[in-house]
Amino acid sequence: MGTDSSDGPCWYQNRQHKVPIDDQTVVEFLDHIAVDLAKRREFAVLVSSDDVVRDANRRFRGISKTTDVLSFPDGEDDRLGDILIAAGRAQQQARQFQLSIEDELKTLALHGLLHLMGHDHETDDGEMRELETNLRKRYGLQSGLVERVNAC
């Protein structure tokens, strides 16, 4: 826990200590999508507590509740931005969808990266959903976030 990885275009840190995570599995996935999808443009992934994510959601979106993933686009010097993931929320969703915590973190990171790349499922008439579906199949992941929301 508390793992920090900064080799290559993706930086990863797990700053929480409650949810056990095989960080190396997540880092390997992030390294893969950094090359395959992000085309080596830099981005960061921070796994943190639900409280930290709730505070960020309140400060930056005006919504005072925990969410699973937040994306903060950058764009300066071809840097994509930052992804913030709530570990406790991810663990709940992993249990709900019968996934490992690592697969849920991969799904959340993929979703966040698509937002950093300019996709927006709330305004794009299903384009992000289709892209996320194709990518999660390519990467061996189960249902994506946009599919889950639309299934409810």
N, C-alpha and C. Protein backbone atom coordinates (compact mmCIF):
# COMPACT_ATOMS: atom_id res chain seq x y z
N MET A 1 0.83 -1.18 0.00
CA MET A 1 0.00 0.00 0.00
C MET A 1 0.88 1.24 0.00
N GLY A 2 0.31 2.33 -0.46
CA GLY A 2 1.10 3.53 -0.58
C GLY A 2 2.08 3.47 -1.73
N THR A 3 1.82 2.62 -2.69
CA THR A 3 2.71 2.42 -3.81
C THR A 3 2.76 3.65 -4.70
N ASP A 4 3.98 3.94 -5.17
CA ASP A 4 4.20 5.06 -6.08
C ASP A 4 4.96 4.53 -7.28
N SER A 5 4.43 4.76 -8.47
CA SER A 5 5.10 4.34 -9.69
C SER A 5 5.14 5.52 -10.65
N SER A 6 6.33 5.87 -11.10
CA SER A 6 6.42 7.02 -11.99
C SER A 6 7.26 6.73 -13.23
N ASP A 7 7.49 5.48 -13.56
CA ASP A 7 8.20 5.16 -14.79
C ASP A 7 7.26 5.33 -15.96
N GLY A 8 7.73 5.95 -17.03
CA GLY A 8 6.93 6.09 -18.23
C GLY A 8 5.95 7.24 -18.16
N PRO A 9 5.00 7.26 -19.09
CA PRO A 9 4.08 8.40 -19.21
C PRO A 9 2.97 8.42 -18.17
N CYS A 10 2.77 7.33 -17.44
CA CYS A 10 1.71 7.30 -16.44
C CYS A 10 2.31 7.22 -15.04
N TRP A 11 1.84 8.10 -14.18
CA TRP A 11 2.25 8.12 -12.79
C TRP A 11 1.10 7.56 -11.97
N TYR A 12 1.38 6.66 -11.03
CA TYR A 12 0.36 6.03 -10.20
C TYR A 12 0.78 6.11 -8.74
N GLN A 13 -0.19 6.43 -7.89
CA GLN A 13 0.05 6.37 -6.46
C GLN A 13 -1.20 5.90 -5.76
N ASN A 14 -1.02 4.99 -4.82
CA ASN A 14 -2.09 4.50 -3.96
C ASN A 14 -1.85 5.11 -2.59
N ARG A 15 -2.65 6.13 -2.24
CA ARG A 15 -2.42 6.87 -1.00
C ARG A 15 -3.30 6.42 0.15
N GLN A 16 -4.11 5.42 -0.05
CA GLN A 16 -5.00 4.98 1.02
C GLN A 16 -4.47 3.66 1.59
N HIS A 17 -4.99 3.27 2.76
CA HIS A 17 -4.48 2.08 3.43
C HIS A 17 -5.57 1.11 3.88
N LYS A 18 -6.82 1.37 3.52
CA LYS A 18 -7.92 0.51 3.98
C LYS A 18 -8.24 -0.62 3.01
N VAL A 19 -8.15 -0.36 1.73
CA VAL A 19 -8.52 -1.36 0.72
C VAL A 19 -7.25 -1.99 0.18
N PRO A 20 -7.10 -3.31 0.38
CA PRO A 20 -5.90 -3.98 -0.15
C PRO A 20 -5.96 -4.06 -1.68
N ILE A 21 -4.89 -3.61 -2.32
CA ILE A 21 -4.83 -3.56 -3.78
C ILE A 21 -3.49 -4.13 -4.23
N ASP A 22 -3.53 -4.97 -5.26
CA ASP A 22 -2.29 -5.42 -5.91
C ASP A 22 -1.91 -4.31 -6.88
N ASP A 23 -1.15 -3.35 -6.39
CA ASP A 23 -0.82 -2.18 -7.18
C ASP A 23 -0.07 -2.52 -8.47
N GLN A 24 0.76 -3.54 -8.43
CA GLN A 24 1.53 -3.90 -9.62
C GLN A 24 0.62 -4.28 -10.78
N THR A 25 -0.47 -4.97 -10.50
CA THR A 25 -1.44 -5.34 -11.54
C THR A 25 -2.05 -4.09 -12.17
N VAL A 26 -2.37 -3.13 -11.35
CA VAL A 26 -2.96 -1.88 -11.84
C VAL A 26 -1.92 -1.11 -12.65
N VAL A 27 -0.70 -1.03 -12.16
CA VAL A 27 0.37 -0.30 -12.85
C VAL A 27 0.64 -0.91 -14.22
N GLU A 28 0.66 -2.23 -14.30
CA GLU A 28 0.90 -2.89 -15.59
C GLU A 28 -0.19 -2.52 -16.60
N PHE A 29 -1.44 -2.48 -16.16
CA PHE A 29 -2.54 -2.06 -17.03
C PHE A 29 -2.38 -0.61 -17.45
N LEU A 30 -2.05 0.25 -16.51
CA LEU A 30 -1.89 1.67 -16.82
C LEU A 30 -0.74 1.89 -17.81
N ASP A 31 0.34 1.16 -17.62
CA ASP A 31 1.46 1.26 -18.57
C ASP A 31 1.01 0.86 -19.97
N HIS A 32 0.18 -0.18 -20.03
CA HIS A 32 -0.32 -0.65 -21.33
C HIS A 32 -1.21 0.38 -22.01
N ILE A 33 -2.17 0.93 -21.27
CA ILE A 33 -3.08 1.90 -21.91
C ILE A 33 -2.38 3.24 -22.16
N ALA A 34 -1.33 3.53 -21.40
CA ALA A 34 -0.56 4.76 -21.64
C ALA A 34 0.08 4.72 -23.03
N VAL A 35 0.53 3.55 -23.43
CA VAL A 35 1.14 3.39 -24.75
C VAL A 35 0.06 3.20 -25.82
N ASP A 36 -0.85 2.27 -25.57
CA ASP A 36 -1.84 1.86 -26.57
C ASP A 36 -2.91 2.92 -26.82
N LEU A 37 -3.40 3.53 -25.78
CA LEU A 37 -4.54 4.44 -25.90
C LEU A 37 -4.13 5.92 -25.79
N ALA A 38 -3.32 6.24 -24.80
CA ALA A 38 -2.93 7.63 -24.58
C ALA A 38 -1.76 8.04 -25.48
N LYS A 39 -1.20 7.10 -26.22
CA LYS A 39 -0.09 7.40 -27.15
C LYS A 39 1.06 8.11 -26.44
N ARG A 40 1.36 7.62 -25.23
CA ARG A 40 2.47 8.10 -24.41
C ARG A 40 2.31 9.52 -23.87
N ARG A 41 1.11 10.09 -24.02
CA ARG A 41 0.87 11.38 -23.38
C ARG A 41 0.74 11.14 -21.88
N GLU A 42 1.25 12.03 -21.08
CA GLU A 42 1.30 11.83 -19.64
C GLU A 42 -0.06 11.99 -18.98
N PHE A 43 -0.28 11.14 -17.97
CA PHE A 43 -1.42 11.29 -17.07
C PHE A 43 -1.07 10.65 -15.75
N ALA A 44 -1.79 11.02 -14.71
CA ALA A 44 -1.56 10.50 -13.37
C ALA A 44 -2.84 9.86 -12.84
N VAL A 45 -2.66 8.80 -12.06
CA VAL A 45 -3.78 8.14 -11.39
C VAL A 45 -3.46 8.09 -9.90
N LEU A 46 -4.37 8.63 -9.12
CA LEU A 46 -4.23 8.62 -7.67
C LEU A 46 -5.41 7.88 -7.07
N VAL A 47 -5.12 6.83 -6.31
CA VAL A 47 -6.16 6.11 -5.57
C VAL A 47 -6.13 6.65 -4.15
N SER A 48 -7.29 7.10 -3.68
CA SER A 48 -7.34 7.75 -2.39
C SER A 48 -8.58 7.31 -1.61
N SER A 49 -8.78 7.91 -0.46
CA SER A 49 -9.94 7.58 0.37
C SER A 49 -11.20 8.19 -0.22
N ASP A 50 -12.33 7.65 0.16
CA ASP A 50 -13.61 8.20 -0.26
C ASP A 50 -13.77 9.65 0.23
N ASP A 51 -13.27 9.94 1.43
CA ASP A 51 -13.38 11.30 1.97
C ASP A 51 -12.65 12.31 1.09
N VAL A 52 -11.47 11.96 0.62
CA VAL A 52 -10.70 12.85 -0.24
C VAL A 52 -11.45 13.09 -1.55
N VAL A 53 -12.01 12.03 -2.12
CA VAL A 53 -12.74 12.16 -3.38
C VAL A 53 -14.03 12.96 -3.18
N ARG A 54 -14.73 12.73 -2.07
CA ARG A 54 -15.93 13.51 -1.78
C ARG A 54 -15.59 14.99 -1.68
N ASP A 55 -14.48 15.32 -1.00
CA ASP A 55 -14.06 16.71 -0.88
C ASP A 55 -13.72 17.32 -2.24
N ALA A 56 -13.01 16.57 -3.08
CA ALA A 56 -12.68 17.06 -4.43
C ALA A 56 -13.94 17.24 -5.26
N ASN A 57 -14.87 16.32 -5.15
CA ASN A 57 -16.13 16.42 -5.89
C ASN A 57 -16.90 17.67 -5.47
N ARG A 58 -16.91 17.95 -4.18
CA ARG A 58 -17.58 19.15 -3.66
C ARG A 58 -16.88 20.41 -4.15
N ARG A 59 -15.55 20.44 -4.03
CA ARG A 59 -14.80 21.64 -4.41
C ARG A 59 -14.84 21.93 -5.90
N PHE A 60 -14.74 20.89 -6.73
CA PHE A 60 -14.59 21.12 -8.16
C PHE A 60 -15.88 20.97 -8.97
N ARG A 61 -16.86 20.24 -8.41
CA ARG A 61 -18.11 20.05 -9.15
C ARG A 61 -19.33 20.55 -8.40
N GLY A 62 -19.13 20.95 -7.14
CA GLY A 62 -20.25 21.44 -6.35
C GLY A 62 -21.21 20.35 -5.91
N ILE A 63 -20.74 19.09 -5.91
CA ILE A 63 -21.56 17.95 -5.52
C ILE A 63 -20.94 17.34 -4.27
N SER A 64 -21.64 17.41 -3.15
CA SER A 64 -21.09 16.98 -1.87
C SER A 64 -21.39 15.52 -1.58
N LYS A 65 -20.84 14.64 -2.43
CA LYS A 65 -20.96 13.20 -2.20
C LYS A 65 -19.78 12.51 -2.86
N THR A 66 -19.52 11.30 -2.40
CA THR A 66 -18.44 10.52 -2.98
C THR A 66 -18.86 10.01 -4.35
N THR A 67 -17.94 10.06 -5.26
CA THR A 67 -18.12 9.45 -6.57
C THR A 67 -16.98 8.47 -6.76
N ASP A 68 -17.05 7.65 -7.78
CA ASP A 68 -16.01 6.64 -7.94
C ASP A 68 -14.74 7.16 -8.61
N VAL A 69 -14.89 8.04 -9.61
CA VAL A 69 -13.72 8.54 -10.33
C VAL A 69 -13.96 9.98 -10.78
N LEU A 70 -12.92 10.78 -10.67
CA LEU A 70 -12.94 12.16 -11.16
C LEU A 70 -11.76 12.34 -12.10
N SER A 71 -11.98 13.09 -13.15
CA SER A 71 -10.92 13.39 -14.12
C SER A 71 -10.69 14.89 -14.14
N PHE A 72 -9.42 15.27 -14.18
CA PHE A 72 -9.02 16.67 -14.20
C PHE A 72 -8.12 16.88 -15.42
N PRO A 73 -8.69 17.29 -16.54
CA PRO A 73 -7.90 17.49 -17.76
C PRO A 73 -6.85 18.57 -17.56
N ASP A 74 -5.73 18.41 -18.24
CA ASP A 74 -4.64 19.37 -18.17
C ASP A 74 -4.38 19.95 -19.55
N GLY A 75 -3.75 19.17 -20.43
CA GLY A 75 -3.52 19.61 -21.80
C GLY A 75 -2.26 20.42 -22.01
N GLU A 76 -1.63 20.89 -20.94
CA GLU A 76 -0.40 21.66 -21.10
C GLU A 76 0.76 20.73 -21.46
N ASP A 77 1.54 21.11 -22.43
CA ASP A 77 2.67 20.30 -22.88
C ASP A 77 2.24 18.87 -23.23
N ASP A 78 1.08 18.73 -23.81
CA ASP A 78 0.53 17.43 -24.22
C ASP A 78 0.28 16.49 -23.04
N ARG A 79 0.16 17.04 -21.83
CA ARG A 79 -0.16 16.24 -20.65
C ARG A 79 -1.67 16.13 -20.58
N LEU A 80 -2.17 14.90 -20.44
CA LEU A 80 -3.62 14.70 -20.44
C LEU A 80 -4.29 15.19 -19.17
N GLY A 81 -3.71 14.88 -18.01
CA GLY A 81 -4.30 15.33 -16.75
C GLY A 81 -4.22 14.27 -15.67
N ASP A 82 -5.13 14.38 -14.70
CA ASP A 82 -5.11 13.55 -13.51
C ASP A 82 -6.44 12.84 -13.32
N ILE A 83 -6.34 11.63 -12.77
CA ILE A 83 -7.52 10.81 -12.46
C ILE A 83 -7.47 10.50 -10.97
N LEU A 84 -8.56 10.76 -10.27
CA LEU A 84 -8.68 10.50 -8.84
C LEU A 84 -9.75 9.43 -8.63
N ILE A 85 -9.37 8.35 -7.95
CA ILE A 85 -10.27 7.21 -7.75
C ILE A 85 -10.49 6.99 -6.25
N ALA A 86 -11.75 6.77 -5.87
CA ALA A 86 -12.13 6.48 -4.48
C ALA A 86 -12.02 4.98 -4.22
N ALA A 87 -11.09 4.60 -3.36
CA ALA A 87 -10.82 3.18 -3.11
C ALA A 87 -12.02 2.45 -2.50
N GLY A 88 -12.65 3.05 -1.50
CA GLY A 88 -13.78 2.39 -0.85
C GLY A 88 -14.95 2.20 -1.80
N ARG A 89 -15.24 3.23 -2.55
CA ARG A 89 -16.32 3.14 -3.55
C ARG A 89 -15.99 2.09 -4.60
N ALA A 90 -14.73 2.05 -5.04
CA ALA A 90 -14.30 1.04 -6.01
C ALA A 90 -14.47 -0.37 -5.44
N GLN A 91 -14.15 -0.53 -4.17
CA GLN A 91 -14.29 -1.84 -3.53
C GLN A 91 -15.76 -2.26 -3.48
N GLN A 92 -16.66 -1.33 -3.15
CA GLN A 92 -18.10 -1.63 -3.13
C GLN A 92 -18.58 -2.06 -4.52
N GLN A 93 -18.16 -1.32 -5.53
CA GLN A 93 -18.59 -1.64 -6.90
C GLN A 93 -17.99 -2.97 -7.36
N ALA A 94 -16.77 -3.25 -6.97
CA ALA A 94 -16.15 -4.53 -7.32
C ALA A 94 -16.98 -5.68 -6.75
N ARG A 95 -17.39 -5.54 -5.51
CA ARG A 95 -18.23 -6.57 -4.89
C ARG A 95 -19.57 -6.67 -5.60
N GLN A 96 -20.18 -5.52 -5.89
CA GLN A 96 -21.49 -5.49 -6.54
C GLN A 96 -21.45 -6.18 -7.90
N PHE A 97 -20.40 -5.96 -8.66
CA PHE A 97 -20.31 -6.52 -10.01
C PHE A 97 -19.44 -7.78 -10.07
N GLN A 98 -19.09 -8.31 -8.89
CA GLN A 98 -18.33 -9.55 -8.77
C GLN A 98 -17.02 -9.48 -9.55
N LEU A 99 -16.27 -8.42 -9.27
CA LEU A 99 -14.97 -8.20 -9.90
C LEU A 99 -13.90 -8.14 -8.82
N SER A 100 -12.67 -8.30 -9.23
CA SER A 100 -11.57 -8.02 -8.30
C SER A 100 -11.46 -6.50 -8.16
N ILE A 101 -10.89 -6.05 -7.07
CA ILE A 101 -10.69 -4.61 -6.89
C ILE A 101 -9.79 -4.09 -8.00
N GLU A 102 -8.81 -4.88 -8.42
CA GLU A 102 -7.90 -4.44 -9.47
C GLU A 102 -8.64 -4.23 -10.79
N ASP A 103 -9.57 -5.13 -11.14
CA ASP A 103 -10.34 -4.95 -12.38
C ASP A 103 -11.25 -3.73 -12.30
N GLU A 104 -11.79 -3.47 -11.12
CA GLU A 104 -12.62 -2.28 -10.97
C GLU A 104 -11.77 -1.02 -11.11
N LEU A 105 -10.58 -1.02 -10.54
CA LEU A 105 -9.70 0.13 -10.69
C LEU A 105 -9.29 0.33 -12.15
N LYS A 106 -9.06 -0.75 -12.86
CA LYS A 106 -8.74 -0.65 -14.28
C LYS A 106 -9.90 -0.02 -15.05
N THR A 107 -11.11 -0.47 -14.74
CA THR A 107 -12.31 0.06 -15.40
C THR A 107 -12.46 1.56 -15.11
N LEU A 108 -12.25 1.94 -13.85
CA LEU A 108 -12.37 3.35 -13.48
C LEU A 108 -11.27 4.18 -14.14
N ALA A 109 -10.06 3.66 -14.19
CA ALA A 109 -8.96 4.38 -14.83
C ALA A 109 -9.21 4.55 -16.32
N LEU A 110 -9.71 3.52 -16.97
CA LEU A 110 -10.03 3.61 -18.39
C LEU A 110 -11.10 4.68 -18.63
N HIS A 111 -12.13 4.66 -17.82
CA HIS A 111 -13.20 5.65 -17.93
C HIS A 111 -12.64 7.07 -17.74
N GLY A 112 -11.83 7.23 -16.70
CA GLY A 112 -11.23 8.53 -16.43
C GLY A 112 -10.33 8.99 -17.56
N LEU A 113 -9.57 8.06 -18.13
CA LEU A 113 -8.67 8.42 -19.24
C LEU A 113 -9.46 8.86 -20.46
N LEU A 114 -10.58 8.22 -20.73
CA LEU A 114 -11.40 8.64 -21.86
C LEU A 114 -11.90 10.08 -21.66
N HIS A 115 -12.25 10.43 -20.42
CA HIS A 115 -12.63 11.82 -20.14
C HIS A 115 -11.45 12.76 -20.37
N LEU A 116 -10.26 12.36 -19.93
CA LEU A 116 -9.08 13.20 -20.15
C LEU A 116 -8.80 13.42 -21.63
N MET A 117 -9.20 12.44 -22.43
CA MET A 117 -8.97 12.52 -23.87
C MET A 117 -10.09 13.29 -24.58
N GLY A 118 -11.02 13.84 -23.80
CA GLY A 118 -12.04 14.72 -24.37
C GLY A 118 -13.41 14.10 -24.59
N HIS A 119 -13.61 12.86 -24.20
CA HIS A 119 -14.91 12.21 -24.38
C HIS A 119 -15.83 12.57 -23.22
N ASP A 120 -17.13 12.67 -23.50
CA ASP A 120 -18.11 13.01 -22.47
C ASP A 120 -19.41 12.27 -22.75
N HIS A 121 -19.68 11.24 -21.98
CA HIS A 121 -20.86 10.41 -22.19
C HIS A 121 -22.17 11.15 -21.94
N GLU A 122 -22.12 12.28 -21.27
CA GLU A 122 -23.34 13.04 -21.00
C GLU A 122 -23.78 13.87 -22.19
N THR A 123 -22.88 14.09 -23.16
CA THR A 123 -23.21 14.99 -24.27
C THR A 123 -22.91 14.42 -25.66
N ASP A 124 -22.40 13.21 -25.76
CA ASP A 124 -21.88 12.75 -27.06
C ASP A 124 -22.75 11.74 -27.81
N ASP A 125 -24.00 11.59 -27.44
CA ASP A 125 -24.92 10.69 -28.15
C ASP A 125 -24.41 9.25 -28.24
N GLY A 126 -23.77 8.77 -27.18
CA GLY A 126 -23.37 7.37 -27.11
C GLY A 126 -21.99 7.04 -27.65
N GLU A 127 -21.26 8.04 -28.12
CA GLU A 127 -19.93 7.76 -28.69
C GLU A 127 -18.96 7.21 -27.63
N MET A 128 -18.95 7.82 -26.44
CA MET A 128 -18.04 7.35 -25.40
C MET A 128 -18.43 5.95 -24.94
N ARG A 129 -19.72 5.70 -24.85
CA ARG A 129 -20.18 4.37 -24.44
C ARG A 129 -19.67 3.31 -25.42
N GLU A 130 -19.81 3.57 -26.70
CA GLU A 130 -19.36 2.61 -27.71
C GLU A 130 -17.84 2.42 -27.64
N LEU A 131 -17.11 3.51 -27.51
CA LEU A 131 -15.65 3.42 -27.41
C LEU A 131 -15.24 2.66 -26.16
N GLU A 132 -15.85 2.98 -25.03
CA GLU A 132 -15.52 2.30 -23.77
C GLU A 132 -15.84 0.82 -23.87
N THR A 133 -16.96 0.46 -24.47
CA THR A 133 -17.33 -0.95 -24.66
C THR A 133 -16.27 -1.68 -25.47
N ASN A 134 -15.87 -1.09 -26.59
CA ASN A 134 -14.85 -1.72 -27.44
C ASN A 134 -13.52 -1.86 -26.72
N LEU A 135 -13.12 -0.83 -25.98
CA LEU A 135 -11.85 -0.86 -25.27
C LEU A 135 -11.86 -1.84 -24.12
N ARG A 136 -12.94 -1.88 -23.37
CA ARG A 136 -12.95 -2.83 -22.25
C ARG A 136 -12.91 -4.26 -22.76
N LYS A 137 -13.53 -4.53 -23.91
CA LYS A 137 -13.43 -5.87 -24.51
C LYS A 137 -11.99 -6.15 -24.93
N ARG A 138 -11.34 -5.16 -25.53
CA ARG A 138 -9.95 -5.32 -25.97
C ARG A 138 -9.05 -5.62 -24.78
N TYR A 139 -9.33 -4.96 -23.65
CA TYR A 139 -8.49 -5.11 -22.47
C TYR A 139 -8.97 -6.18 -21.50
N GLY A 140 -10.02 -6.91 -21.87
CA GLY A 140 -10.50 -8.02 -21.05
C GLY A 140 -11.22 -7.60 -19.79
N LEU A 141 -11.92 -6.47 -19.84
CA LEU A 141 -12.66 -5.98 -18.68
C LEU A 141 -14.15 -6.21 -18.88
N GLN A 142 -14.86 -6.36 -17.77
CA GLN A 142 -16.31 -6.51 -17.84
C GLN A 142 -16.96 -5.16 -18.09
N SER A 143 -18.23 -5.03 -17.79
CA SER A 143 -19.00 -3.83 -18.15
C SER A 143 -18.33 -2.55 -17.70
N GLY A 144 -18.40 -1.56 -18.58
CA GLY A 144 -17.84 -0.25 -18.30
C GLY A 144 -18.81 0.61 -17.54
N LEU A 145 -18.34 1.75 -17.09
CA LEU A 145 -19.18 2.63 -16.26
C LEU A 145 -20.38 3.17 -17.01
N VAL A 146 -20.19 3.57 -18.25
CA VAL A 146 -21.31 4.13 -19.01
C VAL A 146 -22.37 3.05 -19.23
N GLU A 147 -21.95 1.83 -19.47
CA GLU A 147 -22.92 0.73 -19.65
C GLU A 147 -23.69 0.49 -18.36
N ARG A 148 -23.01 0.56 -17.22
CA ARG A 148 -23.68 0.34 -15.93
C ARG A 148 -24.73 1.40 -15.69
N VAL A 149 -24.38 2.65 -15.93
CA VAL A 149 -25.32 3.74 -15.72
C VAL A 149 -26.55 3.59 -16.61
N ASN A 150 -26.32 3.25 -17.87
CA ASN A 150 -27.42 3.10 -18.81
C ASN A 150 -28.27 1.87 -18.52
N ALA A 151 -27.72 0.88 -17.80
CA ALA A 151 -28.48 -0.33 -17.48
C ALA A 151 -29.41 -0.11 -16.29
N CYS A 152 -29.13 0.92 -15.49
CA CYS A 152 -29.94 1.18 -14.29
C CYS A 152 -31.27 1.82 -14.63
